[in-house]
Amino acid sequence: MDFAINQTITENVNITANKKKLLPFADYFLRTYAYLIVGTVLIMINIPVSLLVITRKALRNSYLVLGIVFLNNGFLGISSVLLGVKRLIDTADGERIIDHHECVLNVPIFLFTTEFLSGWSLLMNSVERLFVVALPIYYYTHNTRITYSIIVAHYGITATAVITAVTASLIEPARRISNYCMLQYAYSPRFYEALLLLSSFASMMSVALMIIVVVILRRNFGAQYLSSNSNNRNLSRFLKNQKRYTQTALISCCFTFCTLLHGFL
């Protein structure tokens, strides 16, 4: 009787252990194909649009920030596809244990840190929209200066955060992890969490700014304001286009924020 009970307990333990091993592998497998599929879609949609906006002067003057947002999303798609290919190769070769430094220095893994650009892209877009509705005349006359300043600040902050996390992960003592190189294990835990917090903070700030933009848009950017500037056709057309663009950007901002929030959870 005791032998039968012990055998049953052993079988249950083995089944539980196998399930614990199977679930992470299934999650890894599904994520791999998700990276390939989603990455391909991001490339097909965002790269052509970003090139169209950046190369056309008429579009670039008014929508350069939007073009950079599409470019960032396209770059994220490229890095997702590269990461998916890497994981397919790793799966075929089999799992093994390596130093985490190898994962940090791996090109697809490093490029995939552009995922953290998404939150800051939203914030960059929201800041530019705030300039448009809060200081429309000033934005109209200093469009280029404001746009390039926002873009430089956006890339400067993001590059500083990512380089700091990578450097901290390289100088810490070697840790033995799977060659599947999950980001949360490849990078220093504290700095990885800091990157997530910074990105989510930027996303929440972007939504908060867009709410302020909507309030200002309804209060100070109505038909009466547009008609008062109708004597200048270029300015009037510019203001109307920016109003429509801001309304569209609000929808995009909320959609992207929900996507990021789902990814973090």
C-alpha atoms as a PDB file:
ATOM      1  CA  MET A   1       0.000   0.000   0.000  1.00  0.00           C
ATOM      2  CA  ASP A   2       2.759   2.442   0.976  1.00  0.00           C
ATOM      3  CA  PHE A   3       4.635   1.598  -2.224  1.00  0.00           C
ATOM      4  CA  ALA A   4       1.530   2.341  -4.344  1.00  0.00           C
ATOM      5  CA  ILE A   5       0.981   5.655  -2.558  1.00  0.00           C
ATOM      6  CA  ASN A   6       4.625   6.670  -3.024  1.00  0.00           C
ATOM      7  CA  GLN A   7       4.478   5.707  -6.702  1.00  0.00           C
ATOM      8  CA  THR A   8       1.313   7.797  -7.186  1.00  0.00           C
ATOM      9  CA  ILE A   9       2.892  10.791  -5.453  1.00  0.00           C
ATOM     10  CA  THR A  10       6.021  10.453  -7.598  1.00  0.00           C
ATOM     11  CA  GLU A  11       3.940  10.332 -10.787  1.00  0.00           C
ATOM     12  CA  ASN A  12       1.979  13.432  -9.735  1.00  0.00           C
ATOM     13  CA  VAL A  13       5.206  15.312  -9.004  1.00  0.00           C
ATOM     14  CA  ASN A  14       6.627  14.338 -12.398  1.00  0.00           C
ATOM     15  CA  ILE A  15       3.448  15.428 -14.185  1.00  0.00           C
ATOM     16  CA  THR A  16       3.496  18.779 -12.354  1.00  0.00           C
ATOM     17  CA  ALA A  17       7.180  19.284 -13.189  1.00  0.00           C
ATOM     18  CA  ASN A  18       6.553  18.486 -16.857  1.00  0.00           C
ATOM     19  CA  LYS A  19       3.673  20.953 -16.964  1.00  0.00           C
ATOM     20  CA  LYS A  20       5.873  23.653 -15.451  1.00  0.00           C
ATOM     21  CA  LYS A  21       8.485  23.016 -18.131  1.00  0.00           C
ATOM     22  CA  LEU A  22       5.912  22.818 -20.933  1.00  0.00           C
ATOM     23  CA  LEU A  23       4.088  26.081 -20.145  1.00  0.00           C
ATOM     24  CA  PRO A  24       7.155  28.364 -20.373  1.00  0.00           C
ATOM     25  CA  PHE A  25       8.229  26.632 -23.597  1.00  0.00           C
ATOM     26  CA  ALA A  26       4.733  27.014 -25.097  1.00  0.00           C
ATOM     27  CA  ASP A  27       4.718  30.686 -24.109  1.00  0.00           C
ATOM     28  CA  TYR A  28       8.173  31.111 -25.643  1.00  0.00           C
ATOM     29  CA  PHE A  29       7.070  29.324 -28.834  1.00  0.00           C
ATOM     30  CA  LEU A  30       3.935  31.469 -29.210  1.00  0.00           C
ATOM     31  CA  ARG A  31       5.868  34.673 -28.552  1.00  0.00           C
ATOM     32  CA  THR A  32       8.403  33.692 -31.222  1.00  0.00           C
ATOM     33  CA  TYR A  33       5.777  33.438 -33.959  1.00  0.00           C
ATOM     34  CA  ALA A  34       4.009  36.523 -32.604  1.00  0.00           C
ATOM     35  CA  TYR A  35       7.237  38.493 -33.036  1.00  0.00           C
ATOM     36  CA  LEU A  36       7.541  37.291 -36.629  1.00  0.00           C
ATOM     37  CA  ILE A  37       3.928  38.043 -37.562  1.00  0.00           C
ATOM     38  CA  VAL A  38       3.504  41.328 -35.686  1.00  0.00           C
ATOM     39  CA  GLY A  39       6.957  42.502 -36.740  1.00  0.00           C
ATOM     40  CA  THR A  40       6.168  41.874 -40.403  1.00  0.00           C
ATOM     41  CA  VAL A  41       2.900  43.815 -40.121  1.00  0.00           C
ATOM     42  CA  LEU A  42       4.669  46.729 -38.411  1.00  0.00           C
ATOM     43  CA  ILE A  43       7.278  46.850 -41.172  1.00  0.00           C
ATOM     44  CA  MET A  44       4.731  46.727 -43.990  1.00  0.00           C
ATOM     45  CA  ILE A  45       2.601  49.523 -42.530  1.00  0.00           C
ATOM     46  CA  ASN A  46       5.035  51.873 -40.811  1.00  0.00           C
ATOM     47  CA  ILE A  47       8.154  51.919 -42.994  1.00  0.00           C
ATOM     48  CA  PRO A  48       6.397  53.064 -46.217  1.00  0.00           C
ATOM     49  CA  VAL A  49       4.400  55.726 -44.338  1.00  0.00           C
ATOM     50  CA  SER A  50       7.472  57.054 -42.514  1.00  0.00           C
ATOM     51  CA  LEU A  51       9.473  57.255 -45.746  1.00  0.00           C
ATOM     52  CA  LEU A  52       6.578  59.031 -47.454  1.00  0.00           C
ATOM     53  CA  VAL A  53       6.331  61.645 -44.694  1.00  0.00           C
ATOM     54  CA  ILE A  54      10.080  62.165 -44.315  1.00  0.00           C
ATOM     55  CA  THR A  55      10.899  62.391 -48.036  1.00  0.00           C
ATOM     56  CA  ARG A  56       8.005  64.682 -49.034  1.00  0.00           C
ATOM     57  CA  LYS A  57       8.742  68.279 -48.058  1.00  0.00           C
ATOM     58  CA  ALA A  58       5.069  69.269 -47.905  1.00  0.00           C
ATOM     59  CA  LEU A  59       4.344  66.457 -45.443  1.00  0.00           C
ATOM     60  CA  ARG A  60       7.635  66.741 -43.577  1.00  0.00           C
ATOM     61  CA  ASN A  61       7.055  70.387 -42.624  1.00  0.00           C
ATOM     62  CA  SER A  62       3.792  69.599 -40.823  1.00  0.00           C
ATOM     63  CA  TYR A  63       4.020  65.933 -39.857  1.00  0.00           C
ATOM     64  CA  LEU A  64       7.693  65.180 -39.198  1.00  0.00           C
ATOM     65  CA  VAL A  65       7.018  64.048 -35.620  1.00  0.00           C
ATOM     66  CA  LEU A  66       4.349  61.675 -36.904  1.00  0.00           C
ATOM     67  CA  GLY A  67       6.833  60.378 -39.472  1.00  0.00           C
ATOM     68  CA  ILE A  68       9.354  59.692 -36.690  1.00  0.00           C
ATOM     69  CA  VAL A  69       6.687  57.819 -34.711  1.00  0.00           C
ATOM     70  CA  PHE A  70       6.011  55.603 -37.736  1.00  0.00           C
ATOM     71  CA  LEU A  71       9.768  55.165 -38.236  1.00  0.00           C
ATOM     72  CA  ASN A  72      10.188  54.023 -34.624  1.00  0.00           C
ATOM     73  CA  ASN A  73       7.341  51.537 -35.029  1.00  0.00           C
ATOM     74  CA  GLY A  74       8.885  50.256 -38.255  1.00  0.00           C
ATOM     75  CA  PHE A  75      12.253  49.837 -36.547  1.00  0.00           C
ATOM     76  CA  LEU A  76      10.487  47.942 -33.769  1.00  0.00           C
ATOM     77  CA  GLY A  77       9.020  45.667 -36.442  1.00  0.00           C
ATOM     78  CA  ILE A  78      12.481  44.976 -37.892  1.00  0.00           C
ATOM     79  CA  SER A  79      13.895  44.148 -34.461  1.00  0.00           C
ATOM     80  CA  SER A  80      10.876  41.917 -33.708  1.00  0.00           C
ATOM     81  CA  VAL A  81      11.437  39.901 -36.891  1.00  0.00           C
ATOM     82  CA  LEU A  82      15.163  39.551 -36.121  1.00  0.00           C
ATOM     83  CA  LEU A  83      14.347  38.407 -32.587  1.00  0.00           C
ATOM     84  CA  GLY A  84      11.792  35.922 -33.912  1.00  0.00           C
ATOM     85  CA  VAL A  85      14.354  34.464 -36.342  1.00  0.00           C
ATOM     86  CA  LYS A  86      16.926  34.215 -33.529  1.00  0.00           C
ATOM     87  CA  ARG A  87      14.470  32.343 -31.342  1.00  0.00           C
ATOM     88  CA  LEU A  88      13.585  29.928 -34.124  1.00  0.00           C
ATOM     89  CA  ILE A  89      17.291  29.142 -34.539  1.00  0.00           C
ATOM     90  CA  ASP A  90      17.741  28.755 -30.772  1.00  0.00           C
ATOM     91  CA  THR A  91      14.734  26.428 -30.583  1.00  0.00           C
ATOM     92  CA  ALA A  92      16.125  24.265 -33.396  1.00  0.00           C
ATOM     93  CA  ASP A  93      19.566  24.067 -31.742  1.00  0.00           C
ATOM     94  CA  GLY A  94      18.103  23.305 -28.323  1.00  0.00           C
ATOM     95  CA  GLU A  95      18.199  25.123 -25.014  1.00  0.00           C
ATOM     96  CA  ARG A  96      21.523  25.600 -23.220  1.00  0.00           C
ATOM     97  CA  ILE A  97      22.874  27.749 -20.414  1.00  0.00           C
ATOM     98  CA  ILE A  98      25.082  30.764 -21.218  1.00  0.00           C
ATOM     99  CA  ASP A  99      26.355  33.914 -19.511  1.00  0.00           C
ATOM    100  CA  HIS A 100      23.848  36.755 -19.586  1.00  0.00           C
ATOM    101  CA  HIS A 101      26.556  38.973 -21.141  1.00  0.00           C
ATOM    102  CA  GLU A 102      26.169  37.021 -24.397  1.00  0.00           C
ATOM    103  CA  CYS A 103      22.478  37.906 -24.489  1.00  0.00           C
ATOM    104  CA  VAL A 104      23.107  41.581 -23.770  1.00  0.00           C
ATOM    105  CA  LEU A 105      25.640  41.770 -26.625  1.00  0.00           C
ATOM    106  CA  ASN A 106      23.394  39.872 -29.029  1.00  0.00           C
ATOM    107  CA  VAL A 107      22.332  42.215 -31.861  1.00  0.00           C
ATOM    108  CA  PRO A 108      18.622  41.190 -32.108  1.00  0.00           C
ATOM    109  CA  ILE A 109      18.264  41.448 -28.322  1.00  0.00           C
ATOM    110  CA  PHE A 110      19.895  44.883 -28.232  1.00  0.00           C
ATOM    111  CA  LEU A 111      17.799  46.138 -31.156  1.00  0.00           C
ATOM    112  CA  PHE A 112      14.623  44.896 -29.493  1.00  0.00           C
ATOM    113  CA  THR A 113      15.178  47.398 -26.704  1.00  0.00           C
ATOM    114  CA  THR A 114      13.612  49.823 -29.219  1.00  0.00           C
ATOM    115  CA  GLU A 115      10.399  48.488 -27.673  1.00  0.00           C
ATOM    116  CA  PHE A 116      11.016  51.121 -25.024  1.00  0.00           C
ATOM    117  CA  LEU A 117      10.858  53.817 -27.727  1.00  0.00           C
ATOM    118  CA  SER A 118       7.106  53.324 -28.014  1.00  0.00           C
ATOM    119  CA  GLY A 119       6.179  55.113 -24.805  1.00  0.00           C
ATOM    120  CA  TRP A 120       8.520  58.014 -25.522  1.00  0.00           C
ATOM    121  CA  SER A 121       7.219  58.254 -29.085  1.00  0.00           C
ATOM    122  CA  LEU A 122       3.746  58.762 -27.665  1.00  0.00           C
ATOM    123  CA  LEU A 123       5.012  61.438 -25.295  1.00  0.00           C
ATOM    124  CA  MET A 124       6.898  63.198 -28.102  1.00  0.00           C
ATOM    125  CA  ASN A 125       3.737  63.260 -30.195  1.00  0.00           C
ATOM    126  CA  SER A 126       1.637  64.570 -27.290  1.00  0.00           C
ATOM    127  CA  VAL A 127       4.131  67.337 -26.466  1.00  0.00           C
ATOM    128  CA  GLU A 128       4.083  68.490 -30.073  1.00  0.00           C
ATOM    129  CA  ARG A 129       0.260  68.485 -30.107  1.00  0.00           C
ATOM    130  CA  LEU A 130       0.277  70.538 -26.906  1.00  0.00           C
ATOM    131  CA  PHE A 131       2.463  73.153 -28.591  1.00  0.00           C
ATOM    132  CA  VAL A 132       0.063  73.237 -31.542  1.00  0.00           C
ATOM    133  CA  VAL A 133      -3.093  73.919 -29.524  1.00  0.00           C
ATOM    134  CA  ALA A 134      -1.562  75.994 -26.707  1.00  0.00           C
ATOM    135  CA  LEU A 135       0.688  78.197 -28.868  1.00  0.00           C
ATOM    136  CA  PRO A 136      -0.638  77.816 -32.430  1.00  0.00           C
ATOM    137  CA  ILE A 137       0.794  81.049 -33.851  1.00  0.00           C
ATOM    138  CA  TYR A 138       4.193  80.488 -32.229  1.00  0.00           C
ATOM    139  CA  TYR A 139       4.216  76.889 -33.466  1.00  0.00           C
ATOM    140  CA  TYR A 140       3.317  78.049 -36.963  1.00  0.00           C
ATOM    141  CA  THR A 141       6.256  80.480 -37.072  1.00  0.00           C
ATOM    142  CA  HIS A 142       8.777  78.227 -35.249  1.00  0.00           C
ATOM    143  CA  ASN A 143       7.594  74.839 -36.481  1.00  0.00           C
ATOM    144  CA  THR A 144      11.004  73.497 -37.514  1.00  0.00           C
ATOM    145  CA  ARG A 145      12.813  74.532 -34.328  1.00  0.00           C
ATOM    146  CA  ILE A 146      10.160  73.037 -32.034  1.00  0.00           C
ATOM    147  CA  THR A 147       9.894  69.808 -34.015  1.00  0.00           C
ATOM    148  CA  TYR A 148      13.625  69.100 -34.138  1.00  0.00           C
ATOM    149  CA  SER A 149      14.062  69.998 -30.455  1.00  0.00           C
ATOM    150  CA  ILE A 150      11.376  67.491 -29.458  1.00  0.00           C
ATOM    151  CA  ILE A 151      12.879  64.761 -31.663  1.00  0.00           C
ATOM    152  CA  VAL A 152      16.404  65.311 -30.303  1.00  0.00           C
ATOM    153  CA  ALA A 153      15.128  65.241 -26.701  1.00  0.00           C
ATOM    154  CA  HIS A 154      13.137  62.081 -27.440  1.00  0.00           C
ATOM    155  CA  TYR A 155      16.108  60.148 -28.827  1.00  0.00           C
ATOM    156  CA  GLY A 156      18.494  61.602 -26.240  1.00  0.00           C
ATOM    157  CA  ILE A 157      16.418  60.422 -23.273  1.00  0.00           C
ATOM    158  CA  THR A 158      15.742  57.005 -24.789  1.00  0.00           C
ATOM    159  CA  ALA A 159      19.366  56.404 -25.801  1.00  0.00           C
ATOM    160  CA  THR A 160      20.594  57.419 -22.345  1.00  0.00           C
ATOM    161  CA  ALA A 161      18.173  55.047 -20.602  1.00  0.00           C
ATOM    162  CA  VAL A 162      18.936  52.066 -22.858  1.00  0.00           C
ATOM    163  CA  ILE A 163      22.729  52.569 -22.846  1.00  0.00           C
ATOM    164  CA  THR A 164      22.696  52.883 -19.048  1.00  0.00           C
ATOM    165  CA  ALA A 165      20.755  49.615 -18.691  1.00  0.00           C
ATOM    166  CA  VAL A 166      23.048  47.801 -21.137  1.00  0.00           C
ATOM    167  CA  THR A 167      26.214  49.097 -19.453  1.00  0.00           C
ATOM    168  CA  ALA A 168      24.949  48.152 -15.995  1.00  0.00           C
ATOM    169  CA  SER A 169      24.099  44.655 -17.247  1.00  0.00           C
ATOM    170  CA  LEU A 170      27.558  44.198 -18.777  1.00  0.00           C
ATOM    171  CA  ILE A 171      29.552  45.276 -15.725  1.00  0.00           C
ATOM    172  CA  GLU A 172      27.649  43.148 -13.216  1.00  0.00           C
ATOM    173  CA  PRO A 173      28.913  39.621 -12.395  1.00  0.00           C
ATOM    174  CA  ALA A 174      28.019  36.969 -14.943  1.00  0.00           C
ATOM    175  CA  ARG A 175      24.712  35.182 -14.427  1.00  0.00           C
ATOM    176  CA  ARG A 176      23.878  31.835 -16.020  1.00  0.00           C
ATOM    177  CA  ILE A 177      20.641  32.045 -18.012  1.00  0.00           C
ATOM    178  CA  SER A 178      18.942  30.284 -20.920  1.00  0.00           C
ATOM    179  CA  ASN A 179      20.203  31.020 -24.424  1.00  0.00           C
ATOM    180  CA  TYR A 180      16.596  31.977 -25.249  1.00  0.00           C
ATOM    181  CA  CYS A 181      17.613  35.356 -23.778  1.00  0.00           C
ATOM    182  CA  MET A 182      14.356  36.653 -22.326  1.00  0.00           C
ATOM    183  CA  LEU A 183      14.801  40.393 -21.767  1.00  0.00           C
ATOM    184  CA  GLN A 184      13.845  40.295 -18.091  1.00  0.00           C
ATOM    185  CA  TYR A 185      16.686  37.816 -17.457  1.00  0.00           C
ATOM    186  CA  ALA A 186      19.252  39.235 -19.889  1.00  0.00           C
ATOM    187  CA  TYR A 187      19.303  42.715 -18.404  1.00  0.00           C
ATOM    188  CA  SER A 188      20.024  43.739 -14.846  1.00  0.00           C
ATOM    189  CA  PRO A 189      16.689  43.271 -13.008  1.00  0.00           C
ATOM    190  CA  ARG A 190      16.721  46.735 -11.446  1.00  0.00           C
ATOM    191  CA  PHE A 191      17.522  48.505 -14.691  1.00  0.00           C
ATOM    192  CA  TYR A 192      15.065  46.403 -16.677  1.00  0.00           C
ATOM    193  CA  GLU A 193      12.317  47.396 -14.245  1.00  0.00           C
ATOM    194  CA  ALA A 194      13.495  51.001 -14.504  1.00  0.00           C
ATOM    195  CA  LEU A 195      13.144  50.858 -18.305  1.00  0.00           C
ATOM    196  CA  LEU A 196       9.624  49.484 -17.975  1.00  0.00           C
ATOM    197  CA  LEU A 197       8.683  52.158 -15.449  1.00  0.00           C
ATOM    198  CA  LEU A 198      10.121  54.947 -17.605  1.00  0.00           C
ATOM    199  CA  SER A 199       8.299  53.698 -20.679  1.00  0.00           C
ATOM    200  CA  SER A 200       4.982  53.269 -18.859  1.00  0.00           C
ATOM    201  CA  PHE A 201       5.421  56.682 -17.191  1.00  0.00           C
ATOM    202  CA  ALA A 202       6.012  58.277 -20.598  1.00  0.00           C
ATOM    203  CA  SER A 203       2.907  56.528 -21.955  1.00  0.00           C
ATOM    204  CA  MET A 204       0.729  57.733 -19.077  1.00  0.00           C
ATOM    205  CA  MET A 205       2.097  61.254 -19.392  1.00  0.00           C
ATOM    206  CA  SER A 206       1.314  61.221 -23.103  1.00  0.00           C
ATOM    207  CA  VAL A 207      -2.322  60.323 -22.402  1.00  0.00           C
ATOM    208  CA  ALA A 208      -2.544  63.014 -19.697  1.00  0.00           C
ATOM    209  CA  LEU A 209      -1.137  65.623 -22.096  1.00  0.00           C
ATOM    210  CA  MET A 210      -3.555  64.536 -24.813  1.00  0.00           C
ATOM    211  CA  ILE A 211      -6.461  65.047 -22.399  1.00  0.00           C
ATOM    212  CA  ILE A 212      -5.174  68.582 -21.782  1.00  0.00           C
ATOM    213  CA  VAL A 213      -4.866  69.010 -25.543  1.00  0.00           C
ATOM    214  CA  VAL A 214      -8.518  68.001 -26.021  1.00  0.00           C
ATOM    215  CA  VAL A 215      -9.669  70.497 -23.375  1.00  0.00           C
ATOM    216  CA  ILE A 216      -7.685  73.330 -24.979  1.00  0.00           C
ATOM    217  CA  LEU A 217      -8.797  72.231 -28.433  1.00  0.00           C
ATOM    218  CA  ARG A 218     -12.476  72.521 -27.525  1.00  0.00           C
ATOM    219  CA  ARG A 219     -12.086  75.749 -25.592  1.00  0.00           C
ATOM    220  CA  ASN A 220      -9.710  77.811 -27.733  1.00  0.00           C
ATOM    221  CA  PHE A 221      -9.557  76.120 -31.105  1.00  0.00           C
ATOM    222  CA  GLY A 222     -13.159  76.327 -32.265  1.00  0.00           C
ATOM    223  CA  ALA A 223     -14.757  77.770 -35.355  1.00  0.00           C
ATOM    224  CA  GLN A 224     -14.594  81.326 -34.004  1.00  0.00           C
ATOM    225  CA  TYR A 225     -10.819  81.136 -33.582  1.00  0.00           C
ATOM    226  CA  LEU A 226     -10.346  79.650 -37.034  1.00  0.00           C
ATOM    227  CA  SER A 227     -12.552  82.294 -38.646  1.00  0.00           C
ATOM    228  CA  SER A 228     -10.604  85.090 -36.931  1.00  0.00           C
ATOM    229  CA  ASN A 229      -7.481  83.880 -38.733  1.00  0.00           C
ATOM    230  CA  SER A 230      -9.191  83.232 -42.060  1.00  0.00           C
ATOM    231  CA  ASN A 231      -7.587  86.330 -43.622  1.00  0.00           C
ATOM    232  CA  ASN A 232      -4.312  84.380 -43.787  1.00  0.00           C
ATOM    233  CA  ARG A 233      -5.150  81.389 -45.981  1.00  0.00           C
ATOM    234  CA  ASN A 234      -1.942  79.504 -45.266  1.00  0.00           C
ATOM    235  CA  LEU A 235      -2.344  79.938 -41.513  1.00  0.00           C
ATOM    236  CA  SER A 236      -6.038  79.056 -41.620  1.00  0.00           C
ATOM    237  CA  ARG A 237      -5.367  75.893 -43.641  1.00  0.00           C
ATOM    238  CA  PHE A 238      -2.496  74.999 -41.312  1.00  0.00           C
ATOM    239  CA  LEU A 239      -4.675  75.386 -38.206  1.00  0.00           C
ATOM    240  CA  LYS A 240      -7.514  73.296 -39.656  1.00  0.00           C
ATOM    241  CA  ASN A 241      -5.121  70.533 -40.689  1.00  0.00           C
ATOM    242  CA  GLN A 242      -3.474  70.537 -37.263  1.00  0.00           C
ATOM    243  CA  LYS A 243      -6.856  70.330 -35.549  1.00  0.00           C
ATOM    244  CA  ARG A 244      -7.828  67.252 -37.593  1.00  0.00           C
ATOM    245  CA  TYR A 245      -4.407  65.730 -37.025  1.00  0.00           C
ATOM    246  CA  THR A 246      -4.680  66.294 -33.255  1.00  0.00           C
ATOM    247  CA  GLN A 247      -8.060  64.547 -33.126  1.00  0.00           C
ATOM    248  CA  THR A 248      -6.627  61.574 -35.015  1.00  0.00           C
ATOM    249  CA  ALA A 249      -3.508  61.541 -32.812  1.00  0.00           C
ATOM    250  CA  LEU A 250      -5.673  61.276 -29.687  1.00  0.00           C
ATOM    251  CA  ILE A 251      -7.254  58.046 -30.944  1.00  0.00           C
ATOM    252  CA  SER A 252      -3.855  56.649 -31.932  1.00  0.00           C
ATOM    253  CA  CYS A 253      -2.354  57.649 -28.571  1.00  0.00           C
ATOM    254  CA  CYS A 254      -5.053  55.859 -26.556  1.00  0.00           C
ATOM    255  CA  PHE A 255      -4.834  52.736 -28.763  1.00  0.00           C
ATOM    256  CA  THR A 256      -1.044  52.530 -28.486  1.00  0.00           C
ATOM    257  CA  PHE A 257      -1.154  53.125 -24.719  1.00  0.00           C
ATOM    258  CA  CYS A 258      -3.601  50.240 -24.274  1.00  0.00           C
ATOM    259  CA  THR A 259      -1.306  48.030 -26.371  1.00  0.00           C
ATOM    260  CA  LEU A 260       1.716  48.955 -24.243  1.00  0.00           C
ATOM    261  CA  LEU A 261      -0.226  48.406 -21.017  1.00  0.00           C
ATOM    262  CA  HIS A 262      -1.274  44.928 -22.189  1.00  0.00           C
ATOM    263  CA  GLY A 263       2.343  44.151 -23.029  1.00  0.00           C
ATOM    264  CA  PHE A 264       3.592  45.188 -19.584  1.00  0.00           C
ATOM    265  CA  LEU A 265       0.926  43.160 -17.814  1.00  0.00           C
END
